[in-house]
Amino acid sequence: MARFEMNEMSAMGGEAKADVLCEMGLMYAAGRGGCEMNLVTAHKWLNIAAIKGCERAAALRADLVECMTKAQLAQALREAREWMTMH
């Protein structure tokens, strides 16, 4: 599901991309839309969306951190950095 959305994002503007990334983060945070709940992946997508200018994602990311361990947060930050490097 997420891979399909990522392919469609290439035709969108920056703000729309950030909104889609935010929605992906929410899908993983809540375990909906065919995604299993995964706080690390949720934080990764919310972090990327926040970097791309989505204020909602930044607020949701801050809330999510309260439920994560330091190890999970470190992993999420690494994954976001790797994704940003490749895209």
C-alpha atoms as a PDB file:
ATOM      1  CA  MET A   1       0.000   0.000   0.000  1.00  0.00           C
ATOM      2  CA  ALA A   2       2.640   2.520   1.015  1.00  0.00           C
ATOM      3  CA  ARG A   3       4.786   1.714  -2.022  1.00  0.00           C
ATOM      4  CA  PHE A   4       1.862   2.577  -4.332  1.00  0.00           C
ATOM      5  CA  GLU A   5       1.353   5.893  -2.586  1.00  0.00           C
ATOM      6  CA  MET A   6       5.054   6.710  -2.831  1.00  0.00           C
ATOM      7  CA  ASN A   7       4.976   6.150  -6.593  1.00  0.00           C
ATOM      8  CA  GLU A   8       1.985   8.475  -6.976  1.00  0.00           C
ATOM      9  CA  MET A   9       3.693  11.208  -4.940  1.00  0.00           C
ATOM     10  CA  SER A  10       6.233  11.999  -7.631  1.00  0.00           C
ATOM     11  CA  ALA A  11       3.579  13.977  -9.537  1.00  0.00           C
ATOM     12  CA  MET A  12       2.490  15.982  -6.465  1.00  0.00           C
ATOM     13  CA  GLY A  13       3.739  19.296  -5.159  1.00  0.00           C
ATOM     14  CA  GLY A  14       5.796  19.500  -1.971  1.00  0.00           C
ATOM     15  CA  GLU A  15       2.909  20.362   0.326  1.00  0.00           C
ATOM     16  CA  ALA A  16       0.779  17.491  -0.973  1.00  0.00           C
ATOM     17  CA  LYS A  17       3.709  15.102  -0.537  1.00  0.00           C
ATOM     18  CA  ALA A  18       4.115  16.146   3.078  1.00  0.00           C
ATOM     19  CA  ASP A  19       0.406  15.527   3.698  1.00  0.00           C
ATOM     20  CA  VAL A  20       0.622  12.039   2.168  1.00  0.00           C
ATOM     21  CA  LEU A  21       3.684  11.260   4.279  1.00  0.00           C
ATOM     22  CA  CYS A  22       1.821  12.464   7.361  1.00  0.00           C
ATOM     23  CA  GLU A  23      -1.092  10.169   6.530  1.00  0.00           C
ATOM     24  CA  MET A  24       1.323   7.266   6.120  1.00  0.00           C
ATOM     25  CA  GLY A  25       2.711   8.007   9.571  1.00  0.00           C
ATOM     26  CA  LEU A  26      -0.807   7.979  10.987  1.00  0.00           C
ATOM     27  CA  MET A  27      -1.539   4.657   9.276  1.00  0.00           C
ATOM     28  CA  TYR A  28       1.453   3.036  10.973  1.00  0.00           C
ATOM     29  CA  ALA A  29       0.771   4.741  14.315  1.00  0.00           C
ATOM     30  CA  ALA A  30      -2.792   3.414  14.421  1.00  0.00           C
ATOM     31  CA  GLY A  31      -2.287   0.163  12.513  1.00  0.00           C
ATOM     32  CA  ARG A  32      -4.879   0.974   9.872  1.00  0.00           C
ATOM     33  CA  GLY A  33      -5.112   0.835   6.091  1.00  0.00           C
ATOM     34  CA  GLY A  34      -3.492  -2.570   5.859  1.00  0.00           C
ATOM     35  CA  CYS A  35      -0.442  -1.531   7.907  1.00  0.00           C
ATOM     36  CA  GLU A  36       0.555  -3.173  11.156  1.00  0.00           C
ATOM     37  CA  MET A  37       1.062  -0.784  14.052  1.00  0.00           C
ATOM     38  CA  ASN A  38       4.738   0.214  14.074  1.00  0.00           C
ATOM     39  CA  LEU A  39       5.836   3.238  16.085  1.00  0.00           C
ATOM     40  CA  VAL A  40       9.294   3.349  14.498  1.00  0.00           C
ATOM     41  CA  THR A  41       7.891   3.475  10.972  1.00  0.00           C
ATOM     42  CA  ALA A  42       5.182   5.923  12.050  1.00  0.00           C
ATOM     43  CA  HIS A  43       7.780   8.283  13.513  1.00  0.00           C
ATOM     44  CA  LYS A  44       9.934   7.964  10.395  1.00  0.00           C
ATOM     45  CA  TRP A  45       7.127   9.098   8.079  1.00  0.00           C
ATOM     46  CA  LEU A  46       5.919  11.823  10.459  1.00  0.00           C
ATOM     47  CA  ASN A  47       9.480  13.103  10.791  1.00  0.00           C
ATOM     48  CA  ILE A  48       9.957  13.252   7.026  1.00  0.00           C
ATOM     49  CA  ALA A  49       6.588  14.985   6.612  1.00  0.00           C
ATOM     50  CA  ALA A  50       7.555  17.518   9.276  1.00  0.00           C
ATOM     51  CA  ILE A  51      10.879  18.173   7.541  1.00  0.00           C
ATOM     52  CA  LYS A  52       8.927  18.791   4.330  1.00  0.00           C
ATOM     53  CA  GLY A  53       6.802  21.418   6.084  1.00  0.00           C
ATOM     54  CA  CYS A  54       3.763  19.635   7.529  1.00  0.00           C
ATOM     55  CA  GLU A  55       3.037  21.272  10.893  1.00  0.00           C
ATOM     56  CA  ARG A  56       0.461  18.620  11.761  1.00  0.00           C
ATOM     57  CA  ALA A  57       3.105  15.921  11.340  1.00  0.00           C
ATOM     58  CA  ALA A  58       5.477  17.788  13.647  1.00  0.00           C
ATOM     59  CA  ALA A  59       2.834  17.895  16.393  1.00  0.00           C
ATOM     60  CA  LEU A  60       1.913  14.236  15.925  1.00  0.00           C
ATOM     61  CA  ARG A  61       5.584  13.252  15.944  1.00  0.00           C
ATOM     62  CA  ALA A  62       6.051  15.024  19.287  1.00  0.00           C
ATOM     63  CA  ASP A  63       3.095  13.111  20.751  1.00  0.00           C
ATOM     64  CA  LEU A  64       4.394   9.817  19.403  1.00  0.00           C
ATOM     65  CA  VAL A  65       7.821  10.251  21.013  1.00  0.00           C
ATOM     66  CA  GLU A  66       6.192   9.986  24.436  1.00  0.00           C
ATOM     67  CA  CYS A  67       5.234   6.357  23.646  1.00  0.00           C
ATOM     68  CA  MET A  68       8.617   5.298  22.285  1.00  0.00           C
ATOM     69  CA  THR A  69      11.796   3.998  23.885  1.00  0.00           C
ATOM     70  CA  LYS A  70      15.112   5.715  23.238  1.00  0.00           C
ATOM     71  CA  ALA A  71      16.170   2.767  21.074  1.00  0.00           C
ATOM     72  CA  GLN A  72      12.994   3.020  18.970  1.00  0.00           C
ATOM     73  CA  LEU A  73      13.488   6.762  18.542  1.00  0.00           C
ATOM     74  CA  ALA A  74      17.108   6.296  17.483  1.00  0.00           C
ATOM     75  CA  GLN A  75      16.062   3.664  14.935  1.00  0.00           C
ATOM     76  CA  ALA A  76      13.291   5.897  13.557  1.00  0.00           C
ATOM     77  CA  LEU A  77      15.685   8.814  13.161  1.00  0.00           C
ATOM     78  CA  ARG A  78      18.218   6.590  11.373  1.00  0.00           C
ATOM     79  CA  GLU A  79      15.556   5.274   8.997  1.00  0.00           C
ATOM     80  CA  ALA A  80      14.295   8.786   8.223  1.00  0.00           C
ATOM     81  CA  ARG A  81      17.845   9.992   7.566  1.00  0.00           C
ATOM     82  CA  GLU A  82      18.490   7.029   5.247  1.00  0.00           C
ATOM     83  CA  TRP A  83      15.245   7.671   3.349  1.00  0.00           C
ATOM     84  CA  MET A  84      16.018  11.369   2.973  1.00  0.00           C
ATOM     85  CA  THR A  85      19.499  10.520   1.667  1.00  0.00           C
ATOM     86  CA  MET A  86      18.083   8.200  -0.980  1.00  0.00           C
ATOM     87  CA  HIS A  87      15.171  10.424  -2.085  1.00  0.00           C
END
